[in-house]
Amino acid sequence: MQPLVMTCGDPAGIGPEIAVATRVALGTEVPFAWIGDPTHLPPTALWQEIPSIDIVQDVAPNVLPVIRHVFPGQQRSGDPDPANASAIIKVIARAVSYVQAGSASGMVTCPINKAALKAGAGFGFPGHTEYLAELAGGVPVVMMLACAELRVVPVTIHIPLSDVPQFLTTELLEQTLRITQAALMRDFGLENPRRAVAGLNPHAGESGTMGREEMTLIAPTLARLRAEGMLLEGPFPADTMFHPSARARYDAAVCMYHDQALIPIKTIDFAGGVNVTLGLPFIRTSPDHGTAYDIAGKALADPSSLIAAVRLAAEMARRRP
């Protein structure tokens, strides 16, 4: 397996410190190189600049291998500098170039702040997921959140709740289910994955008394894909899908909007959840949290989610040709 490549994320957030902690925790278990400005790393961090990613394994286990990317602005923990916005974006694109060239087997992204990037560089994407899809040629992608006990996929992602019924279409639901099916088989090693699908409305519409999307859109789509052999159950009331005995009956839950999917997984495993982008021609994972400006630079950040993201990226890479 080629090494992974890790982006620095926003240097004003916790990304630099959890990157160092992840290297210390994993050692040589999963080789990766960090792309960023080493002046942003904690003062006590052990790091080594490398000229190319293929010599990562020559670096000592407790030392962070660094591919230098100079940033023009200041690094102030908790206070993002607009001058750094363009460099943050370029680091993401640089990481993509490594995986597209085959120099890296996958990429792990540290957290960014979309508002800061928009203010500093006119970043026109709702998040990492959409930007990576653009860099990959505009491919359709799906966001998955995964931990040891649960995998969830929202059909609609970074849009206002009031817009969900408008954006939720038969085509989008089918595309999401197909991309998820392929990824669960290829990247998670599931021969015929079982999925539970949530309804949009309370009580899954309760036979049309609380909404009709379940009857007119969700159920017919599931029936058509079941006829192809997919193991799909639902639509279910979302409030009954996430207790332990319900979770034991499926490999992933497909939800209709962002919070319907993310609230249960963050409740179950806030520290260890991983964001995975499905549908890309390369592997990308990320910790399931933001920049955490309020604790940046205070030695309080928990690297568990980033460690899990690195491990999951490596597992996925081993399953791919």
C-alpha atoms as a PDB file:
ATOM      1  CA  MET A   1       0.000   0.000   0.000  1.00  0.00           C
ATOM      2  CA  GLN A   2       1.226   3.489  -0.860  1.00  0.00           C
ATOM      3  CA  PRO A   3       1.282   5.994   2.051  1.00  0.00           C
ATOM      4  CA  LEU A   4      -1.707   8.202   2.776  1.00  0.00           C
ATOM      5  CA  VAL A   5      -1.562  11.962   2.428  1.00  0.00           C
ATOM      6  CA  MET A   6      -3.078  14.265   5.055  1.00  0.00           C
ATOM      7  CA  THR A   7      -4.102  17.887   4.494  1.00  0.00           C
ATOM      8  CA  CYS A   8      -3.407  20.469   7.185  1.00  0.00           C
ATOM      9  CA  GLY A   9      -6.899  22.007   7.266  1.00  0.00           C
ATOM     10  CA  ASP A  10      -7.290  25.411   8.873  1.00  0.00           C
ATOM     11  CA  PRO A  11      -4.085  26.179  10.804  1.00  0.00           C
ATOM     12  CA  ALA A  12      -6.077  28.284  13.282  1.00  0.00           C
ATOM     13  CA  GLY A  13      -8.004  25.168  14.306  1.00  0.00           C
ATOM     14  CA  ILE A  14      -6.998  21.936  15.968  1.00  0.00           C
ATOM     15  CA  GLY A  15      -5.786  20.272  12.760  1.00  0.00           C
ATOM     16  CA  PRO A  16      -2.027  20.740  13.293  1.00  0.00           C
ATOM     17  CA  GLU A  17      -2.050  19.435  16.859  1.00  0.00           C
ATOM     18  CA  ILE A  18      -4.226  16.384  16.179  1.00  0.00           C
ATOM     19  CA  ALA A  19      -2.086  15.544  13.140  1.00  0.00           C
ATOM     20  CA  VAL A  20       0.981  15.366  15.384  1.00  0.00           C
ATOM     21  CA  ALA A  21      -0.936  13.350  17.996  1.00  0.00           C
ATOM     22  CA  THR A  22      -2.151  10.940  15.316  1.00  0.00           C
ATOM     23  CA  ARG A  23       1.385  10.283  14.102  1.00  0.00           C
ATOM     24  CA  VAL A  24       2.539   9.629  17.667  1.00  0.00           C
ATOM     25  CA  ALA A  25      -0.415   7.307  18.322  1.00  0.00           C
ATOM     26  CA  LEU A  26      -0.072   5.297  15.100  1.00  0.00           C
ATOM     27  CA  GLY A  27       3.666   5.346  14.550  1.00  0.00           C
ATOM     28  CA  THR A  28       4.383   3.247  11.481  1.00  0.00           C
ATOM     29  CA  GLU A  29       1.068   1.342  11.687  1.00  0.00           C
ATOM     30  CA  VAL A  30      -0.283   3.525   8.868  1.00  0.00           C
ATOM     31  CA  PRO A  31       2.297   5.609   7.001  1.00  0.00           C
ATOM     32  CA  PHE A  32       1.139   9.082   5.998  1.00  0.00           C
ATOM     33  CA  ALA A  33       2.598  12.462   5.073  1.00  0.00           C
ATOM     34  CA  TRP A  34       1.171  15.786   6.247  1.00  0.00           C
ATOM     35  CA  ILE A  35       0.941  18.668   3.756  1.00  0.00           C
ATOM     36  CA  GLY A  36       1.162  22.084   5.372  1.00  0.00           C
ATOM     37  CA  ASP A  37       3.344  24.793   6.802  1.00  0.00           C
ATOM     38  CA  PRO A  38       5.494  23.286   9.591  1.00  0.00           C
ATOM     39  CA  THR A  39       5.563  26.644  11.388  1.00  0.00           C
ATOM     40  CA  HIS A  40       1.909  25.950  12.234  1.00  0.00           C
ATOM     41  CA  LEU A  41       2.723  22.802  14.206  1.00  0.00           C
ATOM     42  CA  PRO A  42       2.866  22.906  18.015  1.00  0.00           C
ATOM     43  CA  PRO A  43       6.251  24.172  19.306  1.00  0.00           C
ATOM     44  CA  THR A  44       7.078  20.810  20.863  1.00  0.00           C
ATOM     45  CA  ALA A  45       6.144  18.769  17.793  1.00  0.00           C
ATOM     46  CA  LEU A  46       8.709  16.480  16.225  1.00  0.00           C
ATOM     47  CA  TRP A  47       8.573  16.755  12.437  1.00  0.00           C
ATOM     48  CA  GLN A  48      10.764  16.114   9.431  1.00  0.00           C
ATOM     49  CA  GLU A  49      10.450  17.670   6.002  1.00  0.00           C
ATOM     50  CA  ILE A  50      10.495  15.126   3.178  1.00  0.00           C
ATOM     51  CA  PRO A  51      11.117  15.866  -0.510  1.00  0.00           C
ATOM     52  CA  SER A  52       8.676  13.207  -1.735  1.00  0.00           C
ATOM     53  CA  ILE A  53       5.920  11.090  -0.270  1.00  0.00           C
ATOM     54  CA  ASP A  54       7.607   7.796  -1.123  1.00  0.00           C
ATOM     55  CA  ILE A  55      10.161   8.146   1.678  1.00  0.00           C
ATOM     56  CA  VAL A  56       7.586   8.468   4.470  1.00  0.00           C
ATOM     57  CA  GLN A  57       8.604   5.095   5.874  1.00  0.00           C
ATOM     58  CA  ASP A  58      12.156   6.315   6.394  1.00  0.00           C
ATOM     59  CA  VAL A  59      10.957   8.804   9.034  1.00  0.00           C
ATOM     60  CA  ALA A  60      11.100   7.835  12.714  1.00  0.00           C
ATOM     61  CA  PRO A  61       7.776   6.531  14.122  1.00  0.00           C
ATOM     62  CA  ASN A  62       7.214   9.471  16.504  1.00  0.00           C
ATOM     63  CA  VAL A  63       8.146  12.128  13.930  1.00  0.00           C
ATOM     64  CA  LEU A  64       5.571  13.712  11.582  1.00  0.00           C
ATOM     65  CA  PRO A  65       6.627  13.520   7.916  1.00  0.00           C
ATOM     66  CA  VAL A  66       5.950  16.956   6.376  1.00  0.00           C
ATOM     67  CA  ILE A  67       5.540  18.008   2.761  1.00  0.00           C
ATOM     68  CA  ARG A  68       6.068  21.744   3.089  1.00  0.00           C
ATOM     69  CA  HIS A  69       3.429  24.161   1.772  1.00  0.00           C
ATOM     70  CA  VAL A  70       4.209  27.745   2.742  1.00  0.00           C
ATOM     71  CA  PHE A  71       1.311  29.879   3.971  1.00  0.00           C
ATOM     72  CA  PRO A  72       1.367  33.678   3.557  1.00  0.00           C
ATOM     73  CA  GLY A  73      -0.623  34.637   6.660  1.00  0.00           C
ATOM     74  CA  GLN A  74      -0.147  34.366  10.388  1.00  0.00           C
ATOM     75  CA  GLN A  75      -1.059  31.348  12.473  1.00  0.00           C
ATOM     76  CA  ARG A  76      -3.115  32.363  15.495  1.00  0.00           C
ATOM     77  CA  SER A  77      -4.902  29.555  17.286  1.00  0.00           C
ATOM     78  CA  GLY A  78      -8.628  30.192  17.317  1.00  0.00           C
ATOM     79  CA  ASP A  79      -8.379  33.218  15.008  1.00  0.00           C
ATOM     80  CA  PRO A  80      -8.368  32.330  11.285  1.00  0.00           C
ATOM     81  CA  ASP A  81      -6.342  34.624   9.032  1.00  0.00           C
ATOM     82  CA  PRO A  82      -8.119  35.373   5.704  1.00  0.00           C
ATOM     83  CA  ALA A  83      -4.706  35.523   4.030  1.00  0.00           C
ATOM     84  CA  ASN A  84      -4.359  31.765   4.559  1.00  0.00           C
ATOM     85  CA  ALA A  85      -7.628  30.800   2.880  1.00  0.00           C
ATOM     86  CA  SER A  86      -6.190  30.280  -0.609  1.00  0.00           C
ATOM     87  CA  ALA A  87      -3.341  28.151   0.733  1.00  0.00           C
ATOM     88  CA  ILE A  88      -5.768  25.906   2.641  1.00  0.00           C
ATOM     89  CA  ILE A  89      -7.684  25.299  -0.590  1.00  0.00           C
ATOM     90  CA  LYS A  90      -4.488  24.674  -2.569  1.00  0.00           C
ATOM     91  CA  VAL A  91      -3.329  22.071  -0.048  1.00  0.00           C
ATOM     92  CA  ILE A  92      -6.540  20.110  -0.657  1.00  0.00           C
ATOM     93  CA  ALA A  93      -5.988  20.256  -4.410  1.00  0.00           C
ATOM     94  CA  ARG A  94      -2.360  19.231  -3.929  1.00  0.00           C
ATOM     95  CA  ALA A  95      -3.402  16.182  -1.910  1.00  0.00           C
ATOM     96  CA  VAL A  96      -5.838  15.205  -4.671  1.00  0.00           C
ATOM     97  CA  SER A  97      -3.008  15.405  -7.197  1.00  0.00           C
ATOM     98  CA  TYR A  98      -1.017  12.867  -5.135  1.00  0.00           C
ATOM     99  CA  VAL A  99      -3.830  10.334  -5.033  1.00  0.00           C
ATOM    100  CA  GLN A 100      -4.736  10.861  -8.678  1.00  0.00           C
ATOM    101  CA  ALA A 101      -1.114  10.244  -9.640  1.00  0.00           C
ATOM    102  CA  GLY A 102      -0.998   7.070  -7.557  1.00  0.00           C
ATOM    103  CA  SER A 103       1.697   8.408  -5.225  1.00  0.00           C
ATOM    104  CA  ALA A 104      -0.723   8.131  -2.285  1.00  0.00           C
ATOM    105  CA  SER A 105      -3.301   5.420  -1.685  1.00  0.00           C
ATOM    106  CA  GLY A 106      -5.812   7.830  -0.173  1.00  0.00           C
ATOM    107  CA  MET A 107      -6.246  11.204   1.469  1.00  0.00           C
ATOM    108  CA  VAL A 108      -7.313  12.262   4.952  1.00  0.00           C
ATOM    109  CA  THR A 109      -8.446  15.844   5.411  1.00  0.00           C
ATOM    110  CA  CYS A 110      -8.158  17.892   8.584  1.00  0.00           C
ATOM    111  CA  PRO A 111     -11.046  20.274   9.350  1.00  0.00           C
ATOM    112  CA  ILE A 112     -11.708  23.484   7.436  1.00  0.00           C
ATOM    113  CA  ASN A 113     -14.091  26.334   8.164  1.00  0.00           C
ATOM    114  CA  LYS A 114     -16.197  27.073   5.115  1.00  0.00           C
ATOM    115  CA  ALA A 115     -17.155  30.579   6.227  1.00  0.00           C
ATOM    116  CA  ALA A 116     -13.490  31.504   6.725  1.00  0.00           C
ATOM    117  CA  LEU A 117     -12.578  30.172   3.283  1.00  0.00           C
ATOM    118  CA  LYS A 118     -15.448  32.016   1.657  1.00  0.00           C
ATOM    119  CA  ALA A 119     -14.495  35.274   3.365  1.00  0.00           C
ATOM    120  CA  GLY A 120     -10.808  34.926   2.546  1.00  0.00           C
ATOM    121  CA  ALA A 121     -10.836  33.331  -0.899  1.00  0.00           C
ATOM    122  CA  GLY A 122     -14.424  33.263  -2.177  1.00  0.00           C
ATOM    123  CA  PHE A 123     -14.669  29.510  -1.636  1.00  0.00           C
ATOM    124  CA  GLY A 124     -17.844  28.571  -3.468  1.00  0.00           C
ATOM    125  CA  PHE A 125     -18.522  25.114  -2.081  1.00  0.00           C
ATOM    126  CA  PRO A 126     -20.639  24.084   0.915  1.00  0.00           C
ATOM    127  CA  GLY A 127     -17.854  21.825   2.178  1.00  0.00           C
ATOM    128  CA  HIS A 128     -15.013  19.426   1.484  1.00  0.00           C
ATOM    129  CA  THR A 129     -17.352  16.875  -0.094  1.00  0.00           C
ATOM    130  CA  GLU A 130     -18.555  19.143  -2.879  1.00  0.00           C
ATOM    131  CA  TYR A 131     -15.102  20.594  -3.568  1.00  0.00           C
ATOM    132  CA  LEU A 132     -13.535  17.142  -3.878  1.00  0.00           C
ATOM    133  CA  ALA A 133     -16.302  16.099  -6.269  1.00  0.00           C
ATOM    134  CA  GLU A 134     -15.415  19.106  -8.447  1.00  0.00           C
ATOM    135  CA  LEU A 135     -11.691  18.267  -8.361  1.00  0.00           C
ATOM    136  CA  ALA A 136     -12.561  14.715  -9.410  1.00  0.00           C
ATOM    137  CA  GLY A 137     -14.343  15.982 -12.507  1.00  0.00           C
ATOM    138  CA  GLY A 138     -17.807  16.696 -11.185  1.00  0.00           C
ATOM    139  CA  VAL A 139     -18.623  13.113 -10.239  1.00  0.00           C
ATOM    140  CA  PRO A 140     -21.699  12.422  -8.088  1.00  0.00           C
ATOM    141  CA  VAL A 141     -20.685  11.739  -4.501  1.00  0.00           C
ATOM    142  CA  VAL A 142     -22.271  10.661  -1.244  1.00  0.00           C
ATOM    143  CA  MET A 143     -21.300  11.543   2.315  1.00  0.00           C
ATOM    144  CA  MET A 144     -21.069   8.714   4.814  1.00  0.00           C
ATOM    145  CA  LEU A 145     -20.376   8.978   8.545  1.00  0.00           C
ATOM    146  CA  ALA A 146     -19.000   5.798  10.043  1.00  0.00           C
ATOM    147  CA  CYS A 147     -17.990   4.452  13.427  1.00  0.00           C
ATOM    148  CA  ALA A 148     -17.666   0.957  14.867  1.00  0.00           C
ATOM    149  CA  GLU A 149     -21.371   0.747  15.707  1.00  0.00           C
ATOM    150  CA  LEU A 150     -23.061   2.640  12.891  1.00  0.00           C
ATOM    151  CA  ARG A 151     -22.783   3.880   9.304  1.00  0.00           C
ATOM    152  CA  VAL A 152     -25.138   6.615   8.108  1.00  0.00           C
ATOM    153  CA  VAL A 153     -25.665   8.285   4.747  1.00  0.00           C
ATOM    154  CA  PRO A 154     -27.726  11.481   4.282  1.00  0.00           C
ATOM    155  CA  VAL A 155     -29.370  11.820   0.862  1.00  0.00           C
ATOM    156  CA  THR A 156     -29.416  15.624   1.015  1.00  0.00           C
ATOM    157  CA  ILE A 157     -26.478  17.251   2.754  1.00  0.00           C
ATOM    158  CA  HIS A 158     -25.547  20.907   3.186  1.00  0.00           C
ATOM    159  CA  ILE A 159     -28.834  22.634   2.432  1.00  0.00           C
ATOM    160  CA  PRO A 160     -31.432  24.346   4.642  1.00  0.00           C
ATOM    161  CA  LEU A 161     -34.024  22.023   6.131  1.00  0.00           C
ATOM    162  CA  SER A 162     -36.757  24.006   4.379  1.00  0.00           C
ATOM    163  CA  ASP A 163     -35.223  23.057   1.001  1.00  0.00           C
ATOM    164  CA  VAL A 164     -35.051  19.314   1.641  1.00  0.00           C
ATOM    165  CA  PRO A 165     -38.466  18.373   0.154  1.00  0.00           C
ATOM    166  CA  GLN A 166     -37.575  20.273  -3.017  1.00  0.00           C
ATOM    167  CA  PHE A 167     -34.143  18.654  -3.422  1.00  0.00           C
ATOM    168  CA  LEU A 168     -35.229  15.157  -2.426  1.00  0.00           C
ATOM    169  CA  THR A 169     -36.027  13.487  -5.765  1.00  0.00           C
ATOM    170  CA  THR A 170     -36.364   9.947  -7.028  1.00  0.00           C
ATOM    171  CA  GLU A 171     -33.201  10.429  -9.058  1.00  0.00           C
ATOM    172  CA  LEU A 172     -31.159  11.672  -6.088  1.00  0.00           C
ATOM    173  CA  LEU A 173     -32.387   8.886  -3.799  1.00  0.00           C
ATOM    174  CA  GLU A 174     -31.630   6.202  -6.377  1.00  0.00           C
ATOM    175  CA  GLN A 175     -28.196   7.657  -7.095  1.00  0.00           C
ATOM    176  CA  THR A 176     -27.392   7.760  -3.381  1.00  0.00           C
ATOM    177  CA  LEU A 177     -28.469   4.155  -2.884  1.00  0.00           C
ATOM    178  CA  ARG A 178     -26.457   2.937  -5.880  1.00  0.00           C
ATOM    179  CA  ILE A 179     -23.280   4.768  -4.876  1.00  0.00           C
ATOM    180  CA  THR A 180     -23.639   3.517  -1.302  1.00  0.00           C
ATOM    181  CA  GLN A 181     -24.189  -0.050  -2.492  1.00  0.00           C
ATOM    182  CA  ALA A 182     -21.036   0.008  -4.620  1.00  0.00           C
ATOM    183  CA  ALA A 183     -18.914   1.550  -1.859  1.00  0.00           C
ATOM    184  CA  LEU A 184     -20.094  -0.865   0.829  1.00  0.00           C
ATOM    185  CA  MET A 185     -19.155  -3.757  -1.422  1.00  0.00           C
ATOM    186  CA  ARG A 186     -15.822  -2.419  -2.681  1.00  0.00           C
ATOM    187  CA  ASP A 187     -14.477  -0.449   0.274  1.00  0.00           C
ATOM    188  CA  PHE A 188     -16.113  -2.172   3.244  1.00  0.00           C
ATOM    189  CA  GLY A 189     -16.010  -5.752   1.991  1.00  0.00           C
ATOM    190  CA  LEU A 190     -19.757  -6.444   2.249  1.00  0.00           C
ATOM    191  CA  GLU A 191     -20.959  -8.909  -0.382  1.00  0.00           C
ATOM    192  CA  ASN A 192     -24.614  -7.838  -0.283  1.00  0.00           C
ATOM    193  CA  PRO A 193     -25.034  -4.929   2.140  1.00  0.00           C
ATOM    194  CA  ARG A 194     -28.230  -4.469   4.102  1.00  0.00           C
ATOM    195  CA  ARG A 195     -29.589  -0.941   4.352  1.00  0.00           C
ATOM    196  CA  ALA A 196     -32.385   0.588   6.368  1.00  0.00           C
ATOM    197  CA  VAL A 197     -33.936   3.688   4.810  1.00  0.00           C
ATOM    198  CA  ALA A 198     -35.585   6.428   6.854  1.00  0.00           C
ATOM    199  CA  GLY A 199     -38.705   8.300   5.910  1.00  0.00           C
ATOM    200  CA  LEU A 200     -38.717  12.051   5.542  1.00  0.00           C
ATOM    201  CA  ASN A 201     -41.650  12.863   7.791  1.00  0.00           C
ATOM    202  CA  PRO A 202     -42.505  12.018  11.413  1.00  0.00           C
ATOM    203  CA  HIS A 203     -43.671   8.403  11.729  1.00  0.00           C
ATOM    204  CA  ALA A 204     -42.577   7.929   8.078  1.00  0.00           C
ATOM    205  CA  GLY A 205     -45.642   9.909   7.037  1.00  0.00           C
ATOM    206  CA  GLU A 206     -48.088   7.637   8.871  1.00  0.00           C
ATOM    207  CA  SER A 207     -49.906   6.490   5.728  1.00  0.00           C
ATOM    208  CA  GLY A 208     -50.001   9.978   4.294  1.00  0.00           C
ATOM    209  CA  THR A 209     -51.444  11.805   7.299  1.00  0.00           C
ATOM    210  CA  MET A 210     -48.105  13.501   8.059  1.00  0.00           C
ATOM    211  CA  GLY A 211     -46.690  13.750   4.548  1.00  0.00           C
ATOM    212  CA  ARG A 212     -46.763  11.768   1.350  1.00  0.00           C
ATOM    213  CA  GLU A 213     -43.104  11.598   0.240  1.00  0.00           C
ATOM    214  CA  GLU A 214     -42.785   8.103   1.705  1.00  0.00           C
ATOM    215  CA  MET A 215     -45.673   6.844  -0.443  1.00  0.00           C
ATOM    216  CA  THR A 216     -44.954   8.737  -3.655  1.00  0.00           C
ATOM    217  CA  LEU A 217     -41.152   8.849  -3.752  1.00  0.00           C
ATOM    218  CA  ILE A 218     -39.259   6.740  -1.217  1.00  0.00           C
ATOM    219  CA  ALA A 219     -41.224   3.462  -1.176  1.00  0.00           C
ATOM    220  CA  PRO A 220     -41.508   3.163  -4.996  1.00  0.00           C
ATOM    221  CA  THR A 221     -37.761   3.775  -5.390  1.00  0.00           C
ATOM    222  CA  LEU A 222     -36.936   1.105  -2.820  1.00  0.00           C
ATOM    223  CA  ALA A 223     -39.312  -1.369  -4.473  1.00  0.00           C
ATOM    224  CA  ARG A 224     -37.671  -0.863  -7.865  1.00  0.00           C
ATOM    225  CA  LEU A 225     -34.160  -1.395  -6.483  1.00  0.00           C
ATOM    226  CA  ARG A 226     -35.239  -4.392  -4.416  1.00  0.00           C
ATOM    227  CA  ALA A 227     -36.335  -6.001  -7.685  1.00  0.00           C
ATOM    228  CA  GLU A 228     -32.691  -5.729  -8.797  1.00  0.00           C
ATOM    229  CA  GLY A 229     -31.569  -7.636  -5.708  1.00  0.00           C
ATOM    230  CA  MET A 230     -30.608  -4.825  -3.308  1.00  0.00           C
ATOM    231  CA  LEU A 231     -31.344  -5.500   0.357  1.00  0.00           C
ATOM    232  CA  LEU A 232     -33.339  -2.409   1.306  1.00  0.00           C
ATOM    233  CA  GLU A 233     -35.825  -2.032   4.136  1.00  0.00           C
ATOM    234  CA  GLY A 234     -38.082   0.904   4.864  1.00  0.00           C
ATOM    235  CA  PRO A 235     -39.033   3.643   4.799  1.00  0.00           C
ATOM    236  CA  PHE A 236     -38.919   3.590   8.591  1.00  0.00           C
ATOM    237  CA  PRO A 237     -39.667   6.274  11.169  1.00  0.00           C
ATOM    238  CA  ALA A 238     -36.240   7.724  11.890  1.00  0.00           C
ATOM    239  CA  ASP A 239     -36.844   7.751  15.635  1.00  0.00           C
ATOM    240  CA  THR A 240     -36.994   3.924  15.740  1.00  0.00           C
ATOM    241  CA  MET A 241     -33.933   3.165  13.592  1.00  0.00           C
ATOM    242  CA  PHE A 242     -31.001   3.746  15.891  1.00  0.00           C
ATOM    243  CA  HIS A 243     -31.468   1.757  19.098  1.00  0.00           C
ATOM    244  CA  PRO A 244     -29.111  -1.242  19.437  1.00  0.00           C
ATOM    245  CA  SER A 245     -31.436  -3.991  18.235  1.00  0.00           C
ATOM    246  CA  ALA A 246     -32.465  -1.939  15.186  1.00  0.00           C
ATOM    247  CA  ARG A 247     -28.825  -1.220  14.262  1.00  0.00           C
ATOM    248  CA  ALA A 248     -28.050  -4.939  14.364  1.00  0.00           C
ATOM    249  CA  ARG A 249     -30.343  -5.501  11.379  1.00  0.00           C
ATOM    250  CA  TYR A 250     -28.510  -3.354   8.826  1.00  0.00           C
ATOM    251  CA  ASP A 251     -25.026  -2.395   7.593  1.00  0.00           C
ATOM    252  CA  ALA A 252     -25.861   1.249   6.899  1.00  0.00           C
ATOM    253  CA  ALA A 253     -28.743   3.625   7.478  1.00  0.00           C
ATOM    254  CA  VAL A 254     -29.802   5.968   4.672  1.00  0.00           C
ATOM    255  CA  CYS A 255     -31.457   9.155   5.885  1.00  0.00           C
ATOM    256  CA  MET A 256     -33.193  11.953   4.057  1.00  0.00           C
ATOM    257  CA  TYR A 257     -31.332  14.967   5.445  1.00  0.00           C
ATOM    258  CA  HIS A 258     -28.189  16.005   7.271  1.00  0.00           C
ATOM    259  CA  ASP A 259     -29.193  16.062  10.931  1.00  0.00           C
ATOM    260  CA  GLN A 260     -31.401  12.990  10.643  1.00  0.00           C
ATOM    261  CA  ALA A 261     -28.214  11.051   9.890  1.00  0.00           C
ATOM    262  CA  LEU A 262     -25.583  12.901  11.886  1.00  0.00           C
ATOM    263  CA  ILE A 263     -27.334  13.285  15.238  1.00  0.00           C
ATOM    264  CA  PRO A 264     -27.475   9.536  15.973  1.00  0.00           C
ATOM    265  CA  ILE A 265     -23.876   8.797  15.001  1.00  0.00           C
ATOM    266  CA  LYS A 266     -22.496  11.772  16.912  1.00  0.00           C
ATOM    267  CA  THR A 267     -24.515  10.694  19.917  1.00  0.00           C
ATOM    268  CA  ILE A 268     -23.225   7.131  19.723  1.00  0.00           C
ATOM    269  CA  ASP A 269     -19.567   7.963  19.055  1.00  0.00           C
ATOM    270  CA  PHE A 270     -18.797  11.665  18.969  1.00  0.00           C
ATOM    271  CA  ALA A 271     -15.045  11.192  19.330  1.00  0.00           C
ATOM    272  CA  GLY A 272     -14.594   8.297  16.924  1.00  0.00           C
ATOM    273  CA  GLY A 273     -16.821   9.072  13.951  1.00  0.00           C
ATOM    274  CA  VAL A 274     -15.292   9.324  10.477  1.00  0.00           C
ATOM    275  CA  ASN A 275     -16.518  11.239   7.434  1.00  0.00           C
ATOM    276  CA  VAL A 276     -16.089   9.227   4.212  1.00  0.00           C
ATOM    277  CA  THR A 277     -16.766  10.544   0.714  1.00  0.00           C
ATOM    278  CA  LEU A 278     -18.268   7.766  -1.423  1.00  0.00           C
ATOM    279  CA  GLY A 279     -18.267   7.873  -5.206  1.00  0.00           C
ATOM    280  CA  LEU A 280     -14.866   9.521  -5.692  1.00  0.00           C
ATOM    281  CA  PRO A 281     -12.267   7.739  -7.850  1.00  0.00           C
ATOM    282  CA  PHE A 282      -9.961   7.919  -4.823  1.00  0.00           C
ATOM    283  CA  ILE A 283     -10.251   7.380  -1.066  1.00  0.00           C
ATOM    284  CA  ARG A 284     -11.016  10.313   1.211  1.00  0.00           C
ATOM    285  CA  THR A 285     -11.780  10.268   4.908  1.00  0.00           C
ATOM    286  CA  SER A 286     -11.912  12.994   7.525  1.00  0.00           C
ATOM    287  CA  PRO A 287     -12.568  13.393  11.244  1.00  0.00           C
ATOM    288  CA  ASP A 288     -16.219  13.972  12.028  1.00  0.00           C
ATOM    289  CA  HIS A 289     -15.753  17.360  13.678  1.00  0.00           C
ATOM    290  CA  GLY A 290     -14.853  20.924  12.845  1.00  0.00           C
ATOM    291  CA  THR A 291     -11.962  23.268  13.476  1.00  0.00           C
ATOM    292  CA  ALA A 292     -12.812  23.684  17.189  1.00  0.00           C
ATOM    293  CA  TYR A 293     -11.386  27.209  17.345  1.00  0.00           C
ATOM    294  CA  ASP A 294     -12.427  27.500  20.993  1.00  0.00           C
ATOM    295  CA  ILE A 295      -9.902  24.873  22.150  1.00  0.00           C
ATOM    296  CA  ALA A 296      -7.232  25.232  19.456  1.00  0.00           C
ATOM    297  CA  GLY A 297      -3.731  25.578  20.847  1.00  0.00           C
ATOM    298  CA  LYS A 298      -4.783  24.641  24.383  1.00  0.00           C
ATOM    299  CA  ALA A 299      -3.691  20.975  24.300  1.00  0.00           C
ATOM    300  CA  LEU A 300      -7.311  19.897  24.787  1.00  0.00           C
ATOM    301  CA  ALA A 301      -8.094  18.445  21.353  1.00  0.00           C
ATOM    302  CA  ASP A 302      -8.955  14.747  21.127  1.00  0.00           C
ATOM    303  CA  PRO A 303      -7.303  13.095  18.083  1.00  0.00           C
ATOM    304  CA  SER A 304      -9.522   9.983  18.230  1.00  0.00           C
ATOM    305  CA  SER A 305     -11.600  10.866  15.175  1.00  0.00           C
ATOM    306  CA  LEU A 306      -8.546  11.664  13.040  1.00  0.00           C
ATOM    307  CA  ILE A 307      -6.855   8.444  14.154  1.00  0.00           C
ATOM    308  CA  ALA A 308     -10.003   6.530  13.170  1.00  0.00           C
ATOM    309  CA  ALA A 309     -10.081   8.366   9.824  1.00  0.00           C
ATOM    310  CA  VAL A 310      -6.500   7.341   9.045  1.00  0.00           C
ATOM    311  CA  ARG A 311      -7.149   3.728   9.987  1.00  0.00           C
ATOM    312  CA  LEU A 312     -10.341   3.561   7.928  1.00  0.00           C
ATOM    313  CA  ALA A 313      -8.630   5.084   4.875  1.00  0.00           C
ATOM    314  CA  ALA A 314      -5.932   2.429   5.161  1.00  0.00           C
ATOM    315  CA  GLU A 315      -8.524  -0.370   5.443  1.00  0.00           C
ATOM    316  CA  MET A 316     -10.312   0.919   2.361  1.00  0.00           C
ATOM    317  CA  ALA A 317      -7.045   1.217   0.441  1.00  0.00           C
ATOM    318  CA  ARG A 318      -6.147  -2.400   1.185  1.00  0.00           C
ATOM    319  CA  ARG A 319      -9.433  -3.544  -0.344  1.00  0.00           C
ATOM    320  CA  ARG A 320      -8.968  -1.595  -3.569  1.00  0.00           C
ATOM    321  CA  PRO A 321      -6.828  -2.854  -6.467  1.00  0.00           C
END
